[in-house]
N, C-alpha and C. Protein backbone atom coordinates (compact mmCIF):
# COMPACT_ATOMS: atom_id res chain seq x y z
N MET A 1 26.92 14.67 20.02
CA MET A 1 27.12 13.95 21.28
C MET A 1 25.77 13.77 21.99
N LYS A 2 25.51 12.57 22.41
CA LYS A 2 24.22 12.26 23.02
C LYS A 2 24.04 12.99 24.34
N TYR A 3 25.10 13.08 25.14
CA TYR A 3 25.03 13.74 26.43
C TYR A 3 25.91 14.99 26.41
N GLN A 4 25.55 15.96 27.20
CA GLN A 4 26.31 17.21 27.26
C GLN A 4 27.42 17.09 28.30
N TYR A 5 28.42 16.25 27.96
CA TYR A 5 29.55 16.06 28.86
C TYR A 5 30.44 17.31 28.89
N LYS A 6 31.21 17.41 29.95
CA LYS A 6 32.21 18.47 30.07
C LYS A 6 33.60 17.82 30.15
N PHE A 7 34.37 17.98 29.12
CA PHE A 7 35.72 17.42 29.06
C PHE A 7 36.72 18.50 28.71
N THR A 8 37.89 18.41 29.34
CA THR A 8 38.99 19.33 29.04
C THR A 8 40.03 18.66 28.17
N GLU A 9 40.38 17.42 28.51
CA GLU A 9 41.44 16.69 27.82
C GLU A 9 40.88 15.41 27.20
N ASP A 10 41.62 14.88 26.25
CA ASP A 10 41.24 13.60 25.66
C ASP A 10 42.47 12.71 25.52
N TRP A 11 42.66 11.85 26.51
CA TRP A 11 43.73 10.85 26.47
C TRP A 11 43.15 9.45 26.25
N PHE A 12 41.89 9.39 25.87
CA PHE A 12 41.21 8.10 25.81
C PHE A 12 40.79 7.66 24.41
N SER A 13 40.41 8.60 23.56
CA SER A 13 39.80 8.23 22.28
C SER A 13 40.66 7.30 21.44
N HIS A 14 41.98 7.42 21.56
CA HIS A 14 42.86 6.61 20.72
C HIS A 14 42.80 5.12 21.05
N VAL A 15 42.28 4.75 22.24
CA VAL A 15 42.19 3.33 22.60
C VAL A 15 40.79 2.76 22.36
N ILE A 16 39.85 3.59 21.95
CA ILE A 16 38.47 3.12 21.79
C ILE A 16 38.35 1.95 20.83
N PRO A 17 39.01 1.96 19.66
CA PRO A 17 38.85 0.80 18.76
C PRO A 17 39.21 -0.53 19.41
N VAL A 18 40.28 -0.55 20.20
CA VAL A 18 40.67 -1.79 20.88
C VAL A 18 39.68 -2.12 21.98
N TRP A 19 39.26 -1.11 22.75
CA TRP A 19 38.27 -1.35 23.80
C TRP A 19 36.97 -1.90 23.21
N GLN A 20 36.59 -1.39 22.05
CA GLN A 20 35.37 -1.85 21.41
C GLN A 20 35.47 -3.35 21.09
N GLN A 21 36.60 -3.74 20.52
CA GLN A 21 36.79 -5.14 20.18
C GLN A 21 36.79 -6.02 21.43
N ILE A 22 37.52 -5.58 22.44
CA ILE A 22 37.66 -6.39 23.65
C ILE A 22 36.34 -6.53 24.40
N THR A 23 35.66 -5.40 24.59
CA THR A 23 34.40 -5.45 25.35
C THR A 23 33.32 -6.19 24.57
N ASN A 24 33.32 -6.08 23.25
CA ASN A 24 32.36 -6.85 22.46
C ASN A 24 32.61 -8.35 22.62
N HIS A 25 33.87 -8.72 22.73
CA HIS A 25 34.20 -10.14 22.86
C HIS A 25 33.85 -10.68 24.24
N PHE A 26 34.15 -9.92 25.28
CA PHE A 26 33.99 -10.44 26.64
C PHE A 26 32.65 -10.09 27.28
N PHE A 27 32.04 -8.98 26.88
CA PHE A 27 30.85 -8.52 27.60
C PHE A 27 29.63 -8.31 26.70
N LEU A 28 29.66 -8.82 25.47
CA LEU A 28 28.53 -8.61 24.57
C LEU A 28 27.28 -9.31 25.07
N SER A 29 27.44 -10.52 25.58
CA SER A 29 26.27 -11.28 26.02
C SER A 29 25.98 -11.13 27.51
N GLN A 30 26.98 -10.69 28.26
CA GLN A 30 26.77 -10.54 29.71
C GLN A 30 27.49 -9.29 30.20
N CYS A 31 26.72 -8.36 30.73
CA CYS A 31 27.26 -7.10 31.24
C CYS A 31 28.06 -7.35 32.52
N PRO A 32 29.20 -6.67 32.68
CA PRO A 32 29.91 -6.80 33.97
C PRO A 32 29.04 -6.29 35.11
N SER A 33 29.01 -7.02 36.21
CA SER A 33 28.15 -6.63 37.32
C SER A 33 28.85 -5.68 38.29
N LYS A 34 30.19 -5.68 38.23
CA LYS A 34 30.92 -4.81 39.14
C LYS A 34 32.21 -4.36 38.48
N ILE A 35 32.45 -3.04 38.48
CA ILE A 35 33.60 -2.43 37.81
C ILE A 35 34.36 -1.58 38.81
N LEU A 36 35.69 -1.56 38.65
CA LEU A 36 36.55 -0.70 39.45
C LEU A 36 37.44 0.11 38.51
N GLU A 37 37.46 1.41 38.72
CA GLU A 37 38.33 2.30 37.94
C GLU A 37 39.22 3.06 38.89
N ILE A 38 40.53 2.96 38.68
CA ILE A 38 41.50 3.65 39.54
C ILE A 38 42.14 4.76 38.72
N GLY A 39 41.73 5.98 39.00
CA GLY A 39 42.17 7.13 38.22
C GLY A 39 41.19 7.41 37.10
N CYS A 40 40.33 8.41 37.28
CA CYS A 40 39.25 8.64 36.30
C CYS A 40 39.35 9.98 35.60
N TYR A 41 40.08 10.93 36.16
CA TYR A 41 40.14 12.31 35.68
C TYR A 41 38.70 12.81 35.49
N GLU A 42 38.32 13.23 34.28
CA GLU A 42 36.97 13.78 34.09
C GLU A 42 35.94 12.72 33.68
N GLY A 43 36.40 11.48 33.50
CA GLY A 43 35.46 10.40 33.26
C GLY A 43 35.24 10.02 31.81
N ARG A 44 36.23 10.19 30.94
CA ARG A 44 36.03 9.76 29.55
C ARG A 44 35.86 8.25 29.45
N ALA A 45 36.74 7.50 30.11
CA ALA A 45 36.61 6.04 30.09
C ALA A 45 35.33 5.62 30.81
N THR A 46 35.03 6.30 31.90
CA THR A 46 33.83 5.98 32.69
C THR A 46 32.57 6.09 31.85
N THR A 47 32.42 7.23 31.19
CA THR A 47 31.20 7.45 30.41
C THR A 47 31.17 6.55 29.18
N TRP A 48 32.33 6.23 28.61
CA TRP A 48 32.34 5.32 27.47
C TRP A 48 31.82 3.94 27.89
N LEU A 49 32.27 3.47 29.04
CA LEU A 49 31.79 2.18 29.54
C LEU A 49 30.29 2.24 29.83
N CYS A 50 29.84 3.36 30.39
CA CYS A 50 28.41 3.50 30.68
C CYS A 50 27.58 3.44 29.42
N GLU A 51 28.06 4.04 28.35
CA GLU A 51 27.31 4.08 27.10
C GLU A 51 27.41 2.79 26.29
N ASN A 52 28.56 2.13 26.35
CA ASN A 52 28.83 1.04 25.41
C ASN A 52 28.87 -0.36 26.02
N VAL A 53 29.05 -0.45 27.32
CA VAL A 53 29.21 -1.77 27.94
C VAL A 53 28.14 -2.04 28.99
N ILE A 54 27.80 -1.04 29.78
CA ILE A 54 26.83 -1.24 30.85
C ILE A 54 25.43 -1.11 30.27
N LYS A 55 24.80 -2.23 30.02
CA LYS A 55 23.49 -2.25 29.37
C LYS A 55 22.40 -2.72 30.32
N GLU A 56 22.72 -2.78 31.61
CA GLU A 56 21.75 -3.20 32.60
C GLU A 56 21.71 -2.17 33.72
N SER A 57 20.73 -2.29 34.58
CA SER A 57 20.62 -1.41 35.74
C SER A 57 21.30 -2.04 36.95
N ASN A 58 21.61 -1.19 37.91
CA ASN A 58 22.16 -1.62 39.19
C ASN A 58 23.54 -2.25 39.09
N VAL A 59 24.33 -1.85 38.10
CA VAL A 59 25.73 -2.25 38.04
C VAL A 59 26.51 -1.41 39.06
N ASP A 60 27.32 -2.05 39.87
CA ASP A 60 28.14 -1.34 40.86
C ASP A 60 29.45 -0.89 40.21
N TYR A 61 29.76 0.39 40.36
CA TYR A 61 30.94 0.97 39.71
C TYR A 61 31.70 1.78 40.75
N ASP A 62 32.84 1.24 41.19
CA ASP A 62 33.68 1.93 42.16
C ASP A 62 34.74 2.76 41.43
N VAL A 63 34.95 3.96 41.89
CA VAL A 63 35.94 4.86 41.31
C VAL A 63 36.84 5.40 42.42
N ILE A 64 38.15 5.35 42.18
CA ILE A 64 39.12 5.92 43.12
C ILE A 64 39.89 7.02 42.41
N ASP A 65 39.87 8.21 42.96
CA ASP A 65 40.64 9.32 42.42
C ASP A 65 40.71 10.41 43.48
N TRP A 66 41.79 11.19 43.45
CA TRP A 66 41.85 12.31 44.40
C TRP A 66 41.43 13.61 43.74
N PHE A 67 41.10 13.57 42.45
CA PHE A 67 40.52 14.69 41.72
C PHE A 67 41.37 15.96 41.79
N GLU A 68 42.67 15.76 41.85
CA GLU A 68 43.58 16.90 41.83
C GLU A 68 44.52 16.85 40.63
N GLY A 69 44.29 15.90 39.74
CA GLY A 69 45.15 15.76 38.58
C GLY A 69 46.51 15.25 38.98
N SER A 70 47.46 15.38 38.06
CA SER A 70 48.83 14.97 38.34
C SER A 70 49.78 16.02 37.79
N PHE A 71 51.05 15.86 38.11
CA PHE A 71 52.05 16.80 37.62
C PHE A 71 52.05 16.84 36.10
N GLU A 72 51.93 15.69 35.47
CA GLU A 72 51.96 15.64 34.01
C GLU A 72 50.73 16.32 33.42
N GLU A 73 49.56 16.08 34.05
CA GLU A 73 48.33 16.65 33.53
C GLU A 73 48.29 18.16 33.70
N SER A 74 48.81 18.65 34.82
CA SER A 74 48.75 20.09 35.10
C SER A 74 49.60 20.89 34.12
N GLY A 75 50.48 20.22 33.40
CA GLY A 75 51.31 20.92 32.43
C GLY A 75 50.64 21.14 31.09
N THR A 76 49.48 20.51 30.85
CA THR A 76 48.78 20.70 29.59
C THR A 76 48.02 22.02 29.62
N GLU A 77 47.87 22.62 28.46
CA GLU A 77 47.30 23.97 28.40
C GLU A 77 45.88 24.03 28.93
N GLY A 78 45.02 23.10 28.49
CA GLY A 78 43.63 23.14 28.92
C GLY A 78 43.48 22.95 30.41
N THR A 79 44.18 21.96 30.95
CA THR A 79 44.10 21.69 32.39
C THR A 79 44.67 22.85 33.19
N ALA A 80 45.81 23.38 32.78
CA ALA A 80 46.45 24.48 33.51
C ALA A 80 45.53 25.70 33.55
N ASN A 81 44.89 26.01 32.44
CA ASN A 81 43.98 27.16 32.41
C ASN A 81 42.77 26.94 33.31
N ASN A 82 42.24 25.73 33.31
CA ASN A 82 41.09 25.44 34.17
C ASN A 82 41.46 25.50 35.64
N PHE A 83 42.65 25.01 35.98
CA PHE A 83 43.10 25.08 37.38
C PHE A 83 43.18 26.51 37.86
N LYS A 84 43.58 27.42 37.00
CA LYS A 84 43.68 28.84 37.38
C LYS A 84 42.31 29.40 37.72
N GLN A 85 41.28 28.92 37.04
CA GLN A 85 39.94 29.43 37.26
C GLN A 85 39.19 28.71 38.37
N ASN A 86 39.43 27.40 38.47
CA ASN A 86 38.67 26.60 39.44
C ASN A 86 39.47 25.37 39.83
N LYS A 87 39.92 25.31 41.05
CA LYS A 87 40.74 24.19 41.52
C LYS A 87 39.96 22.88 41.59
N ASN A 88 38.65 22.96 41.58
CA ASN A 88 37.81 21.76 41.73
C ASN A 88 37.18 21.31 40.42
N PHE A 89 37.70 21.82 39.29
CA PHE A 89 37.00 21.55 38.03
C PHE A 89 37.01 20.07 37.66
N ILE A 90 38.06 19.31 38.02
CA ILE A 90 38.11 17.90 37.66
C ILE A 90 36.97 17.14 38.32
N GLN A 91 36.84 17.34 39.63
CA GLN A 91 35.78 16.65 40.36
C GLN A 91 34.40 17.10 39.88
N GLU A 92 34.24 18.39 39.67
CA GLU A 92 32.94 18.90 39.23
C GLU A 92 32.57 18.36 37.86
N ASN A 93 33.54 18.32 36.94
CA ASN A 93 33.26 17.78 35.61
C ASN A 93 32.93 16.30 35.67
N PHE A 94 33.67 15.56 36.50
CA PHE A 94 33.41 14.12 36.61
C PHE A 94 32.00 13.86 37.12
N PHE A 95 31.61 14.53 38.19
CA PHE A 95 30.28 14.29 38.75
C PHE A 95 29.19 14.75 37.79
N HIS A 96 29.44 15.82 37.05
CA HIS A 96 28.49 16.23 36.02
C HIS A 96 28.34 15.15 34.95
N ASN A 97 29.45 14.59 34.52
CA ASN A 97 29.43 13.61 33.42
C ASN A 97 28.75 12.31 33.81
N ILE A 98 28.97 11.85 35.02
CA ILE A 98 28.33 10.58 35.41
C ILE A 98 26.87 10.78 35.80
N SER A 99 26.45 12.03 35.97
CA SER A 99 25.06 12.29 36.39
C SER A 99 24.05 11.84 35.33
N PHE A 100 24.50 11.66 34.07
CA PHE A 100 23.61 11.23 33.01
C PHE A 100 23.32 9.72 33.07
N HIS A 101 24.03 9.01 33.94
CA HIS A 101 23.93 7.54 33.95
C HIS A 101 23.41 7.06 35.30
N LYS A 102 22.14 7.27 35.47
CA LYS A 102 21.51 6.97 36.76
C LYS A 102 21.23 5.48 36.94
N ASN A 103 21.44 4.69 35.89
CA ASN A 103 21.26 3.24 36.01
C ASN A 103 22.47 2.57 36.66
N VAL A 104 23.53 3.34 36.90
CA VAL A 104 24.76 2.80 37.47
C VAL A 104 24.89 3.24 38.92
N ASN A 105 25.26 2.28 39.78
CA ASN A 105 25.48 2.59 41.20
C ASN A 105 26.93 3.01 41.40
N PHE A 106 27.19 4.31 41.33
CA PHE A 106 28.55 4.80 41.50
C PHE A 106 28.91 4.91 42.98
N ASN A 107 30.11 4.42 43.30
CA ASN A 107 30.68 4.58 44.64
C ASN A 107 32.01 5.30 44.46
N ILE A 108 32.06 6.56 44.86
CA ILE A 108 33.24 7.39 44.63
C ILE A 108 34.10 7.42 45.89
N HIS A 109 35.36 7.04 45.73
CA HIS A 109 36.31 7.02 46.84
C HIS A 109 37.37 8.07 46.55
N LYS A 110 37.30 9.19 47.25
CA LYS A 110 38.23 10.29 46.99
C LYS A 110 39.49 10.13 47.82
N GLY A 111 40.63 10.02 47.15
CA GLY A 111 41.89 9.89 47.86
C GLY A 111 42.89 9.07 47.07
N ASN A 112 43.97 8.71 47.73
CA ASN A 112 45.06 7.95 47.12
C ASN A 112 44.70 6.46 47.09
N SER A 113 44.88 5.83 45.95
CA SER A 113 44.52 4.42 45.81
C SER A 113 45.29 3.53 46.76
N HIS A 114 46.52 3.89 47.12
CA HIS A 114 47.32 3.04 48.00
C HIS A 114 46.82 3.07 49.44
N LYS A 115 46.02 4.07 49.76
CA LYS A 115 45.39 4.12 51.08
C LYS A 115 43.98 3.54 51.05
N ILE A 116 43.32 3.66 49.92
CA ILE A 116 41.92 3.22 49.82
C ILE A 116 41.80 1.74 49.51
N LEU A 117 42.60 1.22 48.57
CA LEU A 117 42.49 -0.18 48.17
C LEU A 117 42.64 -1.15 49.35
N PRO A 118 43.59 -0.93 50.28
CA PRO A 118 43.71 -1.87 51.40
C PRO A 118 42.48 -1.90 52.32
N THR A 119 41.61 -0.90 52.22
CA THR A 119 40.40 -0.89 53.04
C THR A 119 39.26 -1.68 52.42
N PHE A 120 39.41 -2.07 51.14
CA PHE A 120 38.39 -2.87 50.48
C PHE A 120 38.39 -4.29 51.04
N ASP A 121 37.25 -4.94 50.94
CA ASP A 121 37.16 -6.35 51.25
C ASP A 121 37.85 -7.10 50.11
N LEU A 122 39.04 -7.60 50.37
CA LEU A 122 39.89 -8.13 49.30
C LEU A 122 39.45 -9.52 48.86
N LYS A 123 38.30 -9.55 48.23
CA LYS A 123 37.75 -10.78 47.66
C LYS A 123 37.54 -10.56 46.16
N GLU A 124 37.52 -11.65 45.42
CA GLU A 124 37.34 -11.56 43.98
C GLU A 124 35.90 -11.19 43.67
N THR A 125 35.69 -9.92 43.34
CA THR A 125 34.32 -9.44 43.13
C THR A 125 34.14 -8.64 41.84
N TYR A 126 35.21 -8.13 41.24
CA TYR A 126 35.08 -7.26 40.07
C TYR A 126 35.25 -8.05 38.78
N ASP A 127 34.46 -7.67 37.77
CA ASP A 127 34.56 -8.29 36.45
C ASP A 127 35.50 -7.50 35.53
N LEU A 128 35.66 -6.21 35.83
CA LEU A 128 36.50 -5.35 35.01
C LEU A 128 37.17 -4.32 35.91
N ILE A 129 38.49 -4.19 35.77
CA ILE A 129 39.26 -3.20 36.53
C ILE A 129 40.12 -2.41 35.55
N TYR A 130 40.08 -1.10 35.67
CA TYR A 130 40.89 -0.22 34.83
C TYR A 130 41.84 0.55 35.72
N VAL A 131 43.15 0.42 35.46
CA VAL A 131 44.19 1.07 36.27
C VAL A 131 44.80 2.20 35.46
N ASP A 132 44.53 3.43 35.88
CA ASP A 132 45.01 4.61 35.16
C ASP A 132 45.28 5.73 36.16
N ALA A 133 46.13 5.45 37.12
CA ALA A 133 46.39 6.44 38.17
C ALA A 133 47.81 6.98 38.05
N SER A 134 48.67 6.61 38.95
CA SER A 134 50.04 7.12 38.97
C SER A 134 50.83 6.65 37.75
N HIS A 135 51.80 7.47 37.33
CA HIS A 135 52.69 7.09 36.24
C HIS A 135 53.99 6.48 36.75
N ARG A 136 54.11 6.27 38.03
CA ARG A 136 55.31 5.63 38.58
C ARG A 136 55.18 4.12 38.49
N ALA A 137 56.30 3.46 38.25
CA ALA A 137 56.31 2.00 38.12
C ALA A 137 55.88 1.32 39.41
N ASP A 138 56.42 1.79 40.54
CA ASP A 138 56.10 1.13 41.81
C ASP A 138 54.64 1.33 42.19
N ASP A 139 54.12 2.54 41.97
CA ASP A 139 52.71 2.79 42.27
C ASP A 139 51.80 1.91 41.42
N THR A 140 52.14 1.80 40.14
CA THR A 140 51.33 1.00 39.22
C THR A 140 51.30 -0.46 39.64
N PHE A 141 52.46 -0.98 40.06
CA PHE A 141 52.49 -2.37 40.51
C PHE A 141 51.65 -2.55 41.78
N VAL A 142 51.75 -1.61 42.72
CA VAL A 142 50.98 -1.73 43.97
C VAL A 142 49.49 -1.73 43.67
N ASP A 143 49.05 -0.85 42.76
CA ASP A 143 47.64 -0.87 42.36
C ASP A 143 47.29 -2.24 41.78
N GLY A 144 48.17 -2.77 40.92
CA GLY A 144 47.93 -4.08 40.33
C GLY A 144 47.89 -5.19 41.36
N TYR A 145 48.73 -5.10 42.36
CA TYR A 145 48.78 -6.11 43.43
C TYR A 145 47.41 -6.25 44.11
N TYR A 146 46.81 -5.12 44.47
CA TYR A 146 45.49 -5.17 45.11
C TYR A 146 44.41 -5.58 44.11
N CYS A 147 44.54 -5.11 42.88
CA CYS A 147 43.54 -5.47 41.87
C CYS A 147 43.52 -6.97 41.61
N ASN A 148 44.67 -7.60 41.68
CA ASN A 148 44.74 -9.05 41.50
C ASN A 148 43.87 -9.77 42.53
N LYS A 149 43.84 -9.26 43.74
CA LYS A 149 43.04 -9.87 44.79
C LYS A 149 41.54 -9.60 44.59
N LEU A 150 41.23 -8.52 43.88
CA LEU A 150 39.85 -8.09 43.74
C LEU A 150 39.17 -8.58 42.46
N LEU A 151 39.95 -9.06 41.51
CA LEU A 151 39.41 -9.42 40.19
C LEU A 151 38.87 -10.84 40.17
N ASN A 152 37.68 -11.00 39.62
CA ASN A 152 37.08 -12.32 39.46
C ASN A 152 37.87 -13.17 38.47
N ARG A 153 37.80 -14.47 38.62
CA ARG A 153 38.33 -15.38 37.61
C ARG A 153 37.57 -15.15 36.30
N GLY A 154 38.29 -15.01 35.23
CA GLY A 154 37.68 -14.69 33.95
C GLY A 154 37.51 -13.21 33.71
N GLY A 155 37.79 -12.39 34.74
CA GLY A 155 37.65 -10.94 34.62
C GLY A 155 38.84 -10.31 33.91
N LEU A 156 38.68 -9.04 33.54
CA LEU A 156 39.71 -8.31 32.82
C LEU A 156 40.30 -7.21 33.68
N ILE A 157 41.62 -7.02 33.55
CA ILE A 157 42.29 -5.86 34.11
C ILE A 157 43.00 -5.14 32.97
N ILE A 158 42.80 -3.83 32.90
CA ILE A 158 43.40 -3.01 31.85
C ILE A 158 44.35 -2.02 32.50
N PHE A 159 45.61 -2.10 32.13
CA PHE A 159 46.61 -1.13 32.60
C PHE A 159 46.81 -0.08 31.50
N ASP A 160 46.66 1.18 31.87
CA ASP A 160 46.88 2.26 30.91
C ASP A 160 48.35 2.69 30.91
N ASP A 161 48.73 3.40 29.87
CA ASP A 161 50.02 4.11 29.79
C ASP A 161 51.23 3.18 29.79
N TYR A 162 51.05 1.96 29.28
CA TYR A 162 52.20 1.06 29.22
C TYR A 162 53.33 1.65 28.37
N GLY A 163 52.98 2.40 27.36
CA GLY A 163 53.99 2.97 26.48
C GLY A 163 54.41 4.38 26.84
N TRP A 164 53.96 4.88 28.00
CA TRP A 164 54.26 6.28 28.37
C TRP A 164 55.60 6.37 29.10
N SER A 165 56.29 7.47 28.87
CA SER A 165 57.52 7.75 29.63
C SER A 165 57.63 9.25 29.81
N ASP A 166 58.38 9.66 30.80
CA ASP A 166 58.53 11.07 31.14
C ASP A 166 59.91 11.55 30.67
N PRO A 167 59.96 12.31 29.57
CA PRO A 167 61.26 12.78 29.08
C PRO A 167 61.98 13.69 30.06
N LYS A 168 61.22 14.33 30.95
CA LYS A 168 61.84 15.21 31.94
C LYS A 168 62.64 14.41 32.97
N LYS A 169 62.35 13.11 33.08
CA LYS A 169 63.06 12.23 34.01
C LYS A 169 64.04 11.33 33.26
N ASN A 170 64.39 11.73 32.02
CA ASN A 170 65.32 10.95 31.19
C ASN A 170 64.84 9.51 31.01
N ASN A 171 63.50 9.35 30.97
CA ASN A 171 62.89 8.03 30.78
C ASN A 171 63.33 7.01 31.82
N HIS A 172 63.63 7.49 33.02
CA HIS A 172 64.02 6.61 34.12
C HIS A 172 62.91 5.58 34.37
N PRO A 173 63.25 4.30 34.57
CA PRO A 173 62.21 3.26 34.72
C PRO A 173 61.26 3.48 35.88
N LEU A 174 61.69 4.20 36.91
CA LEU A 174 60.79 4.45 38.04
C LEU A 174 59.63 5.34 37.64
N TYR A 175 59.85 6.21 36.67
CA TYR A 175 58.85 7.19 36.28
C TYR A 175 58.12 6.78 35.01
N ARG A 176 57.95 5.49 34.83
CA ARG A 176 57.17 4.93 33.74
C ARG A 176 56.30 3.80 34.27
N PRO A 177 55.03 3.74 33.91
CA PRO A 177 54.19 2.62 34.35
C PRO A 177 54.68 1.28 33.82
N GLY A 178 55.31 1.28 32.64
CA GLY A 178 55.69 0.05 31.96
C GLY A 178 56.43 -0.96 32.81
N PRO A 179 57.52 -0.57 33.48
CA PRO A 179 58.25 -1.56 34.30
C PRO A 179 57.40 -2.16 35.42
N GLY A 180 56.50 -1.35 35.99
CA GLY A 180 55.61 -1.89 37.02
C GLY A 180 54.63 -2.89 36.45
N ILE A 181 54.13 -2.61 35.24
CA ILE A 181 53.22 -3.54 34.57
C ILE A 181 53.96 -4.81 34.17
N ASP A 182 55.19 -4.65 33.67
CA ASP A 182 56.00 -5.82 33.31
C ASP A 182 56.23 -6.72 34.52
N PHE A 183 56.51 -6.12 35.67
CA PHE A 183 56.76 -6.91 36.88
C PHE A 183 55.50 -7.65 37.30
N PHE A 184 54.34 -6.96 37.20
CA PHE A 184 53.07 -7.61 37.52
C PHE A 184 52.87 -8.82 36.61
N CYS A 185 53.09 -8.63 35.32
CA CYS A 185 52.88 -9.72 34.35
C CYS A 185 53.84 -10.88 34.61
N ARG A 186 55.05 -10.57 35.06
CA ARG A 186 56.04 -11.61 35.26
C ARG A 186 55.72 -12.47 36.48
N ILE A 187 55.37 -11.83 37.59
CA ILE A 187 55.16 -12.62 38.81
C ILE A 187 53.80 -13.32 38.82
N TYR A 188 52.84 -12.79 38.04
CA TYR A 188 51.52 -13.42 37.97
C TYR A 188 51.29 -14.09 36.62
N GLN A 189 52.36 -14.45 35.94
CA GLN A 189 52.21 -14.97 34.58
C GLN A 189 51.37 -16.24 34.50
N SER A 190 51.37 -17.03 35.55
CA SER A 190 50.57 -18.26 35.52
C SER A 190 49.10 -17.99 35.82
N GLU A 191 48.80 -16.76 36.25
CA GLU A 191 47.44 -16.42 36.65
C GLU A 191 46.67 -15.70 35.54
N TYR A 192 47.37 -15.22 34.52
CA TYR A 192 46.72 -14.36 33.52
C TYR A 192 47.08 -14.76 32.10
N THR A 193 46.19 -14.40 31.19
CA THR A 193 46.42 -14.51 29.76
C THR A 193 46.42 -13.11 29.17
N VAL A 194 47.41 -12.80 28.36
CA VAL A 194 47.49 -11.48 27.73
C VAL A 194 46.47 -11.40 26.61
N VAL A 195 45.56 -10.45 26.69
CA VAL A 195 44.54 -10.24 25.67
C VAL A 195 45.03 -9.24 24.63
N ALA A 196 45.72 -8.19 25.08
CA ALA A 196 46.25 -7.18 24.17
C ALA A 196 47.42 -6.49 24.85
N SER A 197 48.38 -6.08 24.05
CA SER A 197 49.54 -5.35 24.56
C SER A 197 49.97 -4.35 23.50
N TYR A 198 49.72 -3.09 23.79
CA TYR A 198 50.09 -2.00 22.89
C TYR A 198 50.40 -0.82 23.78
N TYR A 199 49.70 0.32 23.64
CA TYR A 199 49.89 1.42 24.60
C TYR A 199 49.30 1.04 25.95
N GLN A 200 48.35 0.13 25.94
CA GLN A 200 47.80 -0.44 27.15
C GLN A 200 48.06 -1.93 27.18
N VAL A 201 47.93 -2.51 28.36
CA VAL A 201 48.03 -3.96 28.50
C VAL A 201 46.73 -4.47 29.09
N VAL A 202 46.13 -5.43 28.40
CA VAL A 202 44.85 -6.01 28.85
C VAL A 202 45.09 -7.46 29.18
N LEU A 203 44.70 -7.86 30.40
CA LEU A 203 44.91 -9.21 30.87
C LEU A 203 43.59 -9.83 31.33
N GLN A 204 43.44 -11.13 31.07
CA GLN A 204 42.30 -11.86 31.61
C GLN A 204 42.78 -12.83 32.65
N LYS A 205 42.12 -12.80 33.80
CA LYS A 205 42.47 -13.71 34.89
C LYS A 205 41.97 -15.10 34.54
N ASN A 206 42.86 -16.06 34.63
CA ASN A 206 42.51 -17.43 34.24
C ASN A 206 41.44 -18.02 35.14
N THR A 207 40.60 -18.84 34.56
CA THR A 207 39.52 -19.47 35.34
C THR A 207 40.03 -20.75 35.98
């Protein structure tokens, strides 16, 4: 590993082959100038983008997270053990991991995305947005609603966990991101082109 990152969990590596293809197609010749990530955990996706996509200096990268994990994450062995030792390990690991990428202008917004996103200047400014926060359908749609206002024409929005469901909730549609993503795609269908749809959904905003 080129950098001495600190990671507890890995929910990202399985999507790297698709991300590689997509980012090579859309950003090989021109680096995104502004990125928004909603839900970063320890920064696996963040650092991957820094290493593989951000090839210029002074790229603005906004991150929204409350750095407290989620109910689903706290149930995993690695995360649960770390929480017992240090309640702030997620935030500390994230800041450690991004510290290797000083060419990126990180703006960290700590808190709930539904409170922070409405405070943004809702203009089309981002070239790439990654939504990986709440696993609830309604929360996911609300994040998407604001992201639609913030995404540039021709820009990409990536929704994570499209194929995820919570067996403890009997796979109820409210407790799955999928129905929220489906609703976003349905009401904005004339605004977007589907780039990929698997465990994640990748959309390009029409020019």
